C-alpha atoms as a PDB file:
ATOM      1  CA  MET A   1       0.000   0.000   0.000  1.00  0.00           C
ATOM      2  CA  SER A   2       1.392   3.416  -0.946  1.00  0.00           C
ATOM      3  CA  ARG A   3       1.848   5.986   1.783  1.00  0.00           C
ATOM      4  CA  ASP A   4       0.227   9.229   0.666  1.00  0.00           C
ATOM      5  CA  LYS A   5      -1.922  10.394   3.592  1.00  0.00           C
ATOM      6  CA  VAL A   6      -1.455  12.437   6.765  1.00  0.00           C
ATOM      7  CA  PHE A   7      -2.709  10.373   9.716  1.00  0.00           C
ATOM      8  CA  ILE A   8      -3.759  12.401  12.763  1.00  0.00           C
ATOM      9  CA  SER A   9      -3.664  10.686  16.152  1.00  0.00           C
ATOM     10  CA  TYR A  10      -5.469  12.650  18.869  1.00  0.00           C
ATOM     11  CA  SER A  11      -7.604  12.336  21.982  1.00  0.00           C
ATOM     12  CA  HIS A  12     -11.314  13.022  21.585  1.00  0.00           C
ATOM     13  CA  ALA A  13     -11.001  15.378  24.553  1.00  0.00           C
ATOM     14  CA  ASP A  14      -8.867  17.612  22.277  1.00  0.00           C
ATOM     15  CA  ARG A  15     -11.352  17.658  19.377  1.00  0.00           C
ATOM     16  CA  ALA A  16     -11.633  21.473  19.451  1.00  0.00           C
ATOM     17  CA  LEU A  17      -7.895  21.899  18.771  1.00  0.00           C
ATOM     18  CA  LEU A  18      -8.063  19.240  16.061  1.00  0.00           C
ATOM     19  CA  GLY A  19     -10.738  21.401  14.427  1.00  0.00           C
ATOM     20  CA  GLU A  20      -8.469  24.470  14.509  1.00  0.00           C
ATOM     21  CA  PHE A  21      -5.671  22.467  12.859  1.00  0.00           C
ATOM     22  CA  LYS A  22      -7.942  21.211  10.070  1.00  0.00           C
ATOM     23  CA  THR A  23      -9.401  24.693   9.559  1.00  0.00           C
ATOM     24  CA  MET A  24      -5.906  26.158   9.000  1.00  0.00           C
ATOM     25  CA  LEU A  25      -5.188  23.382   6.473  1.00  0.00           C
ATOM     26  CA  GLY A  26      -8.524  23.972   4.755  1.00  0.00           C
ATOM     27  CA  PRO A  27      -7.228  25.676   1.557  1.00  0.00           C
ATOM     28  CA  VAL A  28      -4.619  22.997   0.768  1.00  0.00           C
ATOM     29  CA  ILE A  29      -7.081  20.212   1.622  1.00  0.00           C
ATOM     30  CA  LYS A  30      -9.536  21.658  -0.930  1.00  0.00           C
ATOM     31  CA  GLN A  31      -6.739  21.780  -3.540  1.00  0.00           C
ATOM     32  CA  GLY A  32      -5.895  18.134  -2.876  1.00  0.00           C
ATOM     33  CA  LYS A  33      -2.350  18.920  -1.746  1.00  0.00           C
ATOM     34  CA  VAL A  34      -2.967  17.355   1.671  1.00  0.00           C
ATOM     35  CA  VAL A  35      -5.083  14.259   2.282  1.00  0.00           C
ATOM     36  CA  LEU A  36      -5.914  13.944   5.980  1.00  0.00           C
ATOM     37  CA  TRP A  37      -7.128  10.884   7.805  1.00  0.00           C
ATOM     38  CA  ASP A  38      -8.521  10.842  11.334  1.00  0.00           C
ATOM     39  CA  ASP A  39     -11.197   8.773  13.036  1.00  0.00           C
ATOM     40  CA  THR A  40     -13.929  11.324  12.286  1.00  0.00           C
ATOM     41  CA  GLN A  41     -13.952   9.801   8.790  1.00  0.00           C
ATOM     42  CA  ILE A  42     -15.122   6.400  10.063  1.00  0.00           C
ATOM     43  CA  GLN A  43     -18.710   5.882   8.962  1.00  0.00           C
ATOM     44  CA  THR A  44     -21.362   4.700  11.385  1.00  0.00           C
ATOM     45  CA  GLY A  45     -21.448   0.906  11.396  1.00  0.00           C
ATOM     46  CA  ALA A  46     -17.981   0.509   9.853  1.00  0.00           C
ATOM     47  CA  LYS A  47     -15.357  -1.746  11.408  1.00  0.00           C
ATOM     48  CA  TRP A  48     -13.516   1.042  13.162  1.00  0.00           C
ATOM     49  CA  ARG A  49     -10.371  -0.921  14.082  1.00  0.00           C
ATOM     50  CA  ALA A  50      -9.872  -2.059  10.476  1.00  0.00           C
ATOM     51  CA  GLU A  51     -10.452   1.517   9.284  1.00  0.00           C
ATOM     52  CA  ILE A  52      -7.802   2.846  11.688  1.00  0.00           C
ATOM     53  CA  GLU A  53      -5.305   0.141  10.655  1.00  0.00           C
ATOM     54  CA  ALA A  54      -5.870   1.026   6.983  1.00  0.00           C
ATOM     55  CA  GLY A  55      -5.337   4.712   7.752  1.00  0.00           C
ATOM     56  CA  LEU A  56      -2.102   3.905   9.590  1.00  0.00           C
ATOM     57  CA  GLY A  57      -0.904   1.752   6.692  1.00  0.00           C
ATOM     58  CA  ALA A  58      -1.408   4.612   4.213  1.00  0.00           C
ATOM     59  CA  ALA A  59       0.258   7.300   6.348  1.00  0.00           C
ATOM     60  CA  ARG A  60       3.174   9.182   4.801  1.00  0.00           C
ATOM     61  CA  VAL A  61       3.156  11.591   7.757  1.00  0.00           C
ATOM     62  CA  GLY A  62       1.924  10.816  11.258  1.00  0.00           C
ATOM     63  CA  VAL A  63       0.768  13.865  13.236  1.00  0.00           C
ATOM     64  CA  LEU A  64       0.455  13.344  16.993  1.00  0.00           C
ATOM     65  CA  LEU A  65      -1.593  15.931  18.922  1.00  0.00           C
ATOM     66  CA  VAL A  66       0.099  15.371  22.279  1.00  0.00           C
ATOM     67  CA  SER A  67      -1.597  16.313  25.538  1.00  0.00           C
ATOM     68  CA  ASP A  68      -2.193  14.813  28.970  1.00  0.00           C
ATOM     69  CA  ASN A  69      -5.365  13.262  27.530  1.00  0.00           C
ATOM     70  CA  PHE A  70      -3.371  11.802  24.606  1.00  0.00           C
ATOM     71  CA  LEU A  71      -0.651  10.274  26.810  1.00  0.00           C
ATOM     72  CA  SER A  72      -3.167   8.753  29.230  1.00  0.00           C
ATOM     73  CA  SER A  73      -5.083   6.992  26.436  1.00  0.00           C
ATOM     74  CA  GLY A  74      -4.220   3.293  26.374  1.00  0.00           C
ATOM     75  CA  PHE A  75      -5.575   2.803  22.849  1.00  0.00           C
ATOM     76  CA  ILE A  76      -3.534   5.668  21.390  1.00  0.00           C
ATOM     77  CA  THR A  77      -0.252   4.740  23.070  1.00  0.00           C
ATOM     78  CA  ASN A  78      -0.669   0.975  22.490  1.00  0.00           C
ATOM     79  CA  GLU A  79      -2.434   0.792  19.100  1.00  0.00           C
ATOM     80  CA  GLU A  80      -1.814   4.017  17.131  1.00  0.00           C
ATOM     81  CA  VAL A  81       1.594   5.336  18.182  1.00  0.00           C
ATOM     82  CA  PRO A  82       3.700   2.100  17.815  1.00  0.00           C
ATOM     83  CA  PRO A  83       2.811   1.585  14.093  1.00  0.00           C
ATOM     84  CA  LEU A  84       3.687   5.231  13.398  1.00  0.00           C
ATOM     85  CA  LEU A  85       7.018   4.883  15.206  1.00  0.00           C
ATOM     86  CA  LYS A  86       7.742   1.705  13.225  1.00  0.00           C
ATOM     87  CA  ALA A  87       6.830   3.401   9.934  1.00  0.00           C
ATOM     88  CA  ALA A  88       9.111   6.331  10.793  1.00  0.00           C
ATOM     89  CA  GLY A  89      11.998   3.947  11.466  1.00  0.00           C
ATOM     90  CA  GLU A  90      11.507   1.437   8.636  1.00  0.00           C
ATOM     91  CA  ASP A  91       9.282   2.794   5.855  1.00  0.00           C
ATOM     92  CA  GLY A  92      10.464   6.390   5.510  1.00  0.00           C
ATOM     93  CA  ALA A  93       7.343   7.937   7.030  1.00  0.00           C
ATOM     94  CA  THR A  94       7.702  11.207   8.947  1.00  0.00           C
ATOM     95  CA  LEU A  95       6.588  11.680  12.551  1.00  0.00           C
ATOM     96  CA  PHE A  96       5.304  15.118  13.430  1.00  0.00           C
ATOM     97  CA  TRP A  97       4.112  15.923  16.970  1.00  0.00           C
ATOM     98  CA  ILE A  98       2.437  19.015  18.372  1.00  0.00           C
ATOM     99  CA  CYS A  99       2.235  19.880  22.065  1.00  0.00           C
ATOM    100  CA  LEU A 100      -1.342  20.881  22.889  1.00  0.00           C
ATOM    101  CA  SER A 101      -1.238  21.093  26.681  1.00  0.00           C
ATOM    102  CA  PRO A 102       1.160  20.771  29.634  1.00  0.00           C
ATOM    103  CA  CYS A 103       2.003  17.069  29.975  1.00  0.00           C
ATOM    104  CA  LEU A 104       4.824  14.634  30.722  1.00  0.00           C
ATOM    105  CA  TRP A 105       5.898  14.281  27.092  1.00  0.00           C
ATOM    106  CA  GLN A 106       9.531  13.894  28.238  1.00  0.00           C
ATOM    107  CA  HIS A 107       8.592  10.463  29.631  1.00  0.00           C
ATOM    108  CA  SER A 108       7.013   9.203  26.416  1.00  0.00           C
ATOM    109  CA  PRO A 109       8.353   7.937  23.057  1.00  0.00           C
ATOM    110  CA  VAL A 110       7.762  11.341  21.421  1.00  0.00           C
ATOM    111  CA  ALA A 111      10.685  12.730  23.450  1.00  0.00           C
ATOM    112  CA  GLU A 112      13.002  11.221  20.818  1.00  0.00           C
ATOM    113  CA  TYR A 113      11.460  13.333  18.046  1.00  0.00           C
ATOM    114  CA  GLN A 114      11.527  17.072  17.365  1.00  0.00           C
ATOM    115  CA  SER A 115       8.226  18.786  18.095  1.00  0.00           C
ATOM    116  CA  ALA A 116       6.586  21.095  15.551  1.00  0.00           C
ATOM    117  CA  ASN A 117       6.024  23.779  18.200  1.00  0.00           C
ATOM    118  CA  GLU A 118       7.720  24.708  21.452  1.00  0.00           C
ATOM    119  CA  PRO A 119       6.671  22.145  24.104  1.00  0.00           C
ATOM    120  CA  ASP A 120       7.122  24.702  26.885  1.00  0.00           C
ATOM    121  CA  LYS A 121       4.509  26.888  25.152  1.00  0.00           C
ATOM    122  CA  PRO A 122       1.515  24.543  24.748  1.00  0.00           C
ATOM    123  CA  LEU A 123      -1.236  25.684  22.415  1.00  0.00           C
ATOM    124  CA  ASP A 124      -4.060  25.566  24.955  1.00  0.00           C
ATOM    125  CA  GLN A 125      -2.189  28.118  27.097  1.00  0.00           C
ATOM    126  CA  MET A 126      -2.321  30.740  24.310  1.00  0.00           C
ATOM    127  CA  SER A 127      -4.935  33.161  23.132  1.00  0.00           C
ATOM    128  CA  LYS A 128      -6.814  32.172  19.982  1.00  0.00           C
ATOM    129  CA  ALA A 129      -4.959  34.790  17.925  1.00  0.00           C
ATOM    130  CA  LYS A 130      -1.547  33.488  19.023  1.00  0.00           C
ATOM    131  CA  ARG A 131      -2.649  29.908  18.393  1.00  0.00           C
ATOM    132  CA  LYS A 132      -3.569  30.816  14.804  1.00  0.00           C
ATOM    133  CA  ALA A 133      -0.043  32.128  14.212  1.00  0.00           C
ATOM    134  CA  VAL A 134       1.446  28.908  15.616  1.00  0.00           C
ATOM    135  CA  TRP A 135      -0.956  26.742  13.586  1.00  0.00           C
ATOM    136  CA  GLN A 136       0.114  28.643  10.459  1.00  0.00           C
ATOM    137  CA  SER A 137       3.797  27.925  11.186  1.00  0.00           C
ATOM    138  CA  ILE A 138       3.056  24.257  11.897  1.00  0.00           C
ATOM    139  CA  CYS A 139       1.094  23.849   8.657  1.00  0.00           C
ATOM    140  CA  GLN A 140       3.921  25.437   6.661  1.00  0.00           C
ATOM    141  CA  LYS A 141       6.323  22.887   8.165  1.00  0.00           C
ATOM    142  CA  LEU A 142       3.936  20.088   7.239  1.00  0.00           C
ATOM    143  CA  LEU A 143       3.737  21.369   3.644  1.00  0.00           C
ATOM    144  CA  ARG A 144       7.535  21.439   3.429  1.00  0.00           C
ATOM    145  CA  VAL A 145       7.617  17.805   4.523  1.00  0.00           C
ATOM    146  CA  LEU A 146       5.082  17.012   1.775  1.00  0.00           C
ATOM    147  CA  ASP A 147       7.034  19.128  -0.781  1.00  0.00           C
ATOM    148  CA  HIS A 148       4.096  21.479  -1.273  1.00  0.00           C
ATOM    149  CA  GLU A 149       5.622  24.664   0.153  1.00  0.00           C
ATOM    150  CA  PRO A 150       5.742  27.206  -2.697  1.00  0.00           C
ATOM    151  CA  GLN A 151       9.227  28.211  -3.774  1.00  0.00           C
ATOM    152  CA  PRO A 152      10.077  31.867  -4.409  1.00  0.00           C
ATOM    153  CA  ALA A 153       9.638  32.907  -8.048  1.00  0.00           C
ATOM    154  CA  PRO A 154      12.892  33.376  -9.984  1.00  0.00           C
ATOM    155  CA  VAL A 155      14.011  36.958 -10.434  1.00  0.00           C
ATOM    156  CA  PRO A 156      13.963  37.807 -14.176  1.00  0.00           C
ATOM    157  CA  ALA A 157      17.187  39.049 -15.704  1.00  0.00           C
ATOM    158  CA  PRO A 158      17.206  42.798 -16.403  1.00  0.00           C
ATOM    159  CA  THR A 159      16.523  43.768 -20.015  1.00  0.00           C
ATOM    160  CA  PRO A 160      19.507  45.625 -21.494  1.00  0.00           C
ATOM    161  CA  ALA A 161      18.818  49.197 -22.572  1.00  0.00           C
ATOM    162  CA  PRO A 162      18.757  49.676 -26.378  1.00  0.00           C
ATOM    163  CA  ARG A 163      21.818  51.300 -27.888  1.00  0.00           C
ATOM    164  CA  LYS A 164      21.427  54.660 -29.475  1.00  0.00           C
ATOM    165  CA  SER A 165      21.631  54.785 -33.243  1.00  0.00           C
ATOM    166  CA  GLY A 166      25.194  55.210 -34.458  1.00  0.00           C
ATOM    167  CA  THR A 167      26.784  53.966 -31.238  1.00  0.00           C
ATOM    168  CA  PRO A 168      29.393  51.292 -32.072  1.00  0.00           C
ATOM    169  CA  PRO A 169      29.157  48.009 -30.161  1.00  0.00           C
ATOM    170  CA  PRO A 170      31.800  47.349 -27.509  1.00  0.00           C
ATOM    171  CA  LEU A 171      35.015  45.913 -28.933  1.00  0.00           C
ATOM    172  CA  LEU A 172      35.717  43.542 -26.054  1.00  0.00           C
ATOM    173  CA  LYS A 173      33.564  41.463 -23.727  1.00  0.00           C
ATOM    174  CA  VAL A 174      34.626  41.222 -20.126  1.00  0.00           C
ATOM    175  CA  PRO A 175      35.254  37.536 -19.439  1.00  0.00           C
ATOM    176  CA  ARG A 176      33.394  35.967 -16.561  1.00  0.00           C
ATOM    177  CA  ALA A 177      35.457  35.027 -13.570  1.00  0.00           C
ATOM    178  CA  ALA A 178      36.205  31.341 -13.297  1.00  0.00           C
ATOM    179  CA  PRO A 179      34.159  29.613 -10.603  1.00  0.00           C
ATOM    180  CA  ALA A 180      35.964  29.147  -7.330  1.00  0.00           C
ATOM    181  CA  PRO A 181      37.158  25.587  -6.754  1.00  0.00           C
ATOM    182  CA  ALA A 182      34.971  23.518  -4.466  1.00  0.00           C
ATOM    183  CA  PRO A 183      36.335  23.315  -0.912  1.00  0.00           C
ATOM    184  CA  PRO A 184      37.861  19.963   0.001  1.00  0.00           C
ATOM    185  CA  PRO A 185      35.505  17.630   1.847  1.00  0.00           C
ATOM    186  CA  GLN A 186      35.636  18.030   5.588  1.00  0.00           C
ATOM    187  CA  PRO A 187      36.684  14.942   7.534  1.00  0.00           C
ATOM    188  CA  GLN A 188      33.819  13.267   9.325  1.00  0.00           C
ATOM    189  CA  PRO A 189      34.081  13.010  13.127  1.00  0.00           C
ATOM    190  CA  PRO A 190      34.941   9.528  14.393  1.00  0.00           C
ATOM    191  CA  PRO A 191      31.931   7.412  15.360  1.00  0.00           C
ATOM    192  CA  PHE A 192      30.739   7.854  18.918  1.00  0.00           C
ATOM    193  CA  ASN A 193      31.496   4.834  21.117  1.00  0.00           C
ATOM    194  CA  PRO A 194      30.161   5.554  24.589  1.00  0.00           C
ATOM    195  CA  HIS A 195      31.645   2.508  26.356  1.00  0.00           C
ATOM    196  CA  GLY A 196      33.707   3.696  29.336  1.00  0.00           C
ATOM    197  CA  ARG A 197      33.646   6.630  31.723  1.00  0.00           C
ATOM    198  CA  TRP A 198      32.644  10.094  30.523  1.00  0.00           C
ATOM    199  CA  GLN A 199      32.306  13.562  31.970  1.00  0.00           C
ATOM    200  CA  VAL A 200      29.240  15.376  30.644  1.00  0.00           C
ATOM    201  CA  GLU A 201      28.883  19.123  31.149  1.00  0.00           C
ATOM    202  CA  VAL A 202      25.318  20.416  30.890  1.00  0.00           C
ATOM    203  CA  PHE A 203      24.951  24.035  29.758  1.00  0.00           C
ATOM    204  CA  ALA A 204      21.462  24.990  30.916  1.00  0.00           C
ATOM    205  CA  LEU A 205      19.935  27.651  33.148  1.00  0.00           C
ATOM    206  CA  VAL A 206      21.532  25.768  36.037  1.00  0.00           C
ATOM    207  CA  ARG A 207      24.833  24.258  34.911  1.00  0.00           C
ATOM    208  CA  SER A 208      25.717  20.804  36.158  1.00  0.00           C
ATOM    209  CA  THR A 209      28.266  18.056  35.536  1.00  0.00           C
ATOM    210  CA  LEU A 210      27.685  14.336  35.187  1.00  0.00           C
ATOM    211  CA  THR A 211      30.208  11.530  35.543  1.00  0.00           C
ATOM    212  CA  VAL A 212      28.789   8.497  33.742  1.00  0.00           C
ATOM    213  CA  ASP A 213      29.937   4.906  33.259  1.00  0.00           C
ATOM    214  CA  PHE A 214      28.474   3.395  30.060  1.00  0.00           C
ATOM    215  CA  TYR A 215      28.562  -0.411  30.020  1.00  0.00           C
ATOM    216  CA  PRO A 216      28.521  -2.611  26.875  1.00  0.00           C
ATOM    217  CA  ASN A 217      25.324  -4.359  28.052  1.00  0.00           C
ATOM    218  CA  GLY A 218      23.383  -1.085  27.771  1.00  0.00           C
ATOM    219  CA  ALA A 219      23.445  -0.176  31.464  1.00  0.00           C
ATOM    220  CA  CYS A 220      24.779   3.095  32.852  1.00  0.00           C
ATOM    221  CA  GLN A 221      25.331   4.658  36.242  1.00  0.00           C
ATOM    222  CA  GLY A 222      26.954   7.745  37.656  1.00  0.00           C
ATOM    223  CA  VAL A 223      26.549  10.927  39.654  1.00  0.00           C
ATOM    224  CA  GLN A 224      25.456  14.455  38.803  1.00  0.00           C
ATOM    225  CA  GLN A 225      26.922  17.514  40.536  1.00  0.00           C
ATOM    226  CA  ILE A 226      24.148  20.098  40.873  1.00  0.00           C
ATOM    227  CA  PRO A 227      24.590  23.516  42.532  1.00  0.00           C
ATOM    228  CA  PHE A 228      22.698  23.775  45.839  1.00  0.00           C
ATOM    229  CA  LEU A 229      21.788  20.055  45.737  1.00  0.00           C
ATOM    230  CA  GLY A 230      25.235  18.493  45.722  1.00  0.00           C
ATOM    231  CA  THR A 231      25.852  15.001  44.363  1.00  0.00           C
ATOM    232  CA  VAL A 232      22.874  13.088  42.970  1.00  0.00           C
ATOM    233  CA  PRO A 233      23.503   9.411  42.039  1.00  0.00           C
ATOM    234  CA  PHE A 234      21.599   7.777  39.186  1.00  0.00           C
ATOM    235  CA  GLN A 235      21.439   4.504  37.288  1.00  0.00           C
ATOM    236  CA  GLY A 236      19.593   3.278  34.236  1.00  0.00           C
ATOM    237  CA  SER A 237      20.117   2.284  30.608  1.00  0.00           C
ATOM    238  CA  TRP A 238      21.468   3.884  27.436  1.00  0.00           C
ATOM    239  CA  ALA A 239      21.029   3.486  23.672  1.00  0.00           C
ATOM    240  CA  TYR A 240      22.749   5.153  20.714  1.00  0.00           C
ATOM    241  CA  ASP A 241      21.293   5.465  17.203  1.00  0.00           C
ATOM    242  CA  LEU A 242      24.060   5.562  14.577  1.00  0.00           C
ATOM    243  CA  TYR A 243      21.861   7.085  11.859  1.00  0.00           C
ATOM    244  CA  SER A 244      20.412  10.007  13.827  1.00  0.00           C
ATOM    245  CA  HIS A 245      23.478  10.357  16.130  1.00  0.00           C
ATOM    246  CA  THR A 246      21.088  10.347  19.089  1.00  0.00           C
ATOM    247  CA  LEU A 247      22.073   9.201  22.583  1.00  0.00           C
ATOM    248  CA  THR A 248      19.201   8.287  24.909  1.00  0.00           C
ATOM    249  CA  MET A 249      19.586   7.704  28.657  1.00  0.00           C
ATOM    250  CA  GLN A 250      16.780   6.847  31.044  1.00  0.00           C
ATOM    251  CA  GLY A 251      16.530   5.548  34.582  1.00  0.00           C
ATOM    252  CA  MET A 252      16.127   6.703  38.161  1.00  0.00           C
ATOM    253  CA  THR A 253      17.802   9.190  40.458  1.00  0.00           C
ATOM    254  CA  GLN A 254      17.250   9.118  44.203  1.00  0.00           C
ATOM    255  CA  PHE A 255      14.462  11.654  43.641  1.00  0.00           C
ATOM    256  CA  GLN A 256      12.611  10.804  40.419  1.00  0.00           C
ATOM    257  CA  PRO A 257      12.752   9.087  37.017  1.00  0.00           C
ATOM    258  CA  PHE A 258      14.748  10.808  34.275  1.00  0.00           C
ATOM    259  CA  MET A 259      15.108  10.658  30.497  1.00  0.00           C
ATOM    260  CA  LEU A 260      17.848  12.387  28.531  1.00  0.00           C
ATOM    261  CA  VAL A 261      17.916  12.631  24.718  1.00  0.00           C
ATOM    262  CA  VAL A 262      20.952  14.307  23.085  1.00  0.00           C
ATOM    263  CA  VAL A 263      21.739  14.677  19.378  1.00  0.00           C
ATOM    264  CA  LEU A 264      25.527  14.683  18.916  1.00  0.00           C
ATOM    265  CA  GLN A 265      26.676  17.418  16.548  1.00  0.00           C
ATOM    266  CA  GLY A 266      30.428  16.959  16.195  1.00  0.00           C
ATOM    267  CA  ALA A 267      33.758  15.948  17.665  1.00  0.00           C
ATOM    268  CA  GLN A 268      35.812  18.364  19.733  1.00  0.00           C
ATOM    269  CA  GLY A 269      39.179  17.279  21.071  1.00  0.00           C
ATOM    270  CA  ASN A 270      38.729  13.957  22.856  1.00  0.00           C
ATOM    271  CA  GLY A 271      34.988  14.456  23.161  1.00  0.00           C
ATOM    272  CA  TYR A 272      31.776  15.501  21.477  1.00  0.00           C
ATOM    273  CA  THR A 273      29.309  18.358  21.577  1.00  0.00           C
ATOM    274  CA  GLY A 274      25.561  17.863  21.443  1.00  0.00           C
ATOM    275  CA  LEU A 275      22.162  19.501  21.745  1.00  0.00           C
ATOM    276  CA  GLY A 276      19.538  18.051  24.056  1.00  0.00           C
ATOM    277  CA  MET A 277      15.834  17.817  23.322  1.00  0.00           C
ATOM    278  CA  ASP A 278      15.461  19.916  26.492  1.00  0.00           C
ATOM    279  CA  GLY A 279      17.265  22.785  24.719  1.00  0.00           C
ATOM    280  CA  ALA A 280      20.466  22.482  26.790  1.00  0.00           C
ATOM    281  CA  GLY A 281      23.976  22.167  25.344  1.00  0.00           C
ATOM    282  CA  TYR A 282      26.115  19.147  26.210  1.00  0.00           C
ATOM    283  CA  GLN A 283      29.873  18.558  26.171  1.00  0.00           C
ATOM    284  CA  PHE A 284      31.048  14.928  26.408  1.00  0.00           C
ATOM    285  CA  THR A 285      34.680  14.270  27.428  1.00  0.00           C
ATOM    286  CA  ARG A 286      36.091  10.739  27.722  1.00  0.00           C
ATOM    287  CA  LEU A 287      37.779  10.044  31.052  1.00  0.00           C
ATOM    288  CA  ALA A 288      38.561   6.339  30.654  1.00  0.00           C
END
């Protein structure tokens, strides 16, 4: 089955915000540039589970309207989200999530994906006018994913002014400068191998330093030095995705569960720099 639709996964408690999203997409839906599928299209008496599975199978883009209602829905998190995550990893589909309300999205699978809006500015906390501006930006991003965002029109070349009668043509043409040679390819940073002990500096509003032991079996443990709190031990598990250069750590501190997702951006000295999904900067330095 070809993937050509945009599947929207949402909680029925958030139907009003779903309506705002579809209203903003209205012009491109009418033009046939975007084909949406959500469960409002299931006809009375139809086999709703089969309809949802067919919609998931045809999804080129999966849009998740994430809220506390969404994350607490067993059907959504068990039946709708896993096929979309699998399609994003195996079939080239795109996952696109939007934060509707304050929720614990950091402790869900969507934490590994970039949100289409700022999660710390949920849509239901905004005025309707501000929401419209955010919906417009989100829809433009969706159109770029679908290759329907209009490109700027080419600037026409200026028309040369006609020569006056009797004016001789120029004797020489100025040659065009030769194109500059392409720069040599930059060496790629060595692959990240986290096994061993690392120091991780966190550049956030409150700076902190972690000392972490990464074990080959996927376990990790260490301590975090936090101003005013002192040393906080933690333990958990880690995973590294070679294709997206994403390091994920999750586990428990003595206070609460944690999840850390960092996209590594390059090598620096004997370490790496990265950007966390929480917006903080990270500097990894190998100790052993």
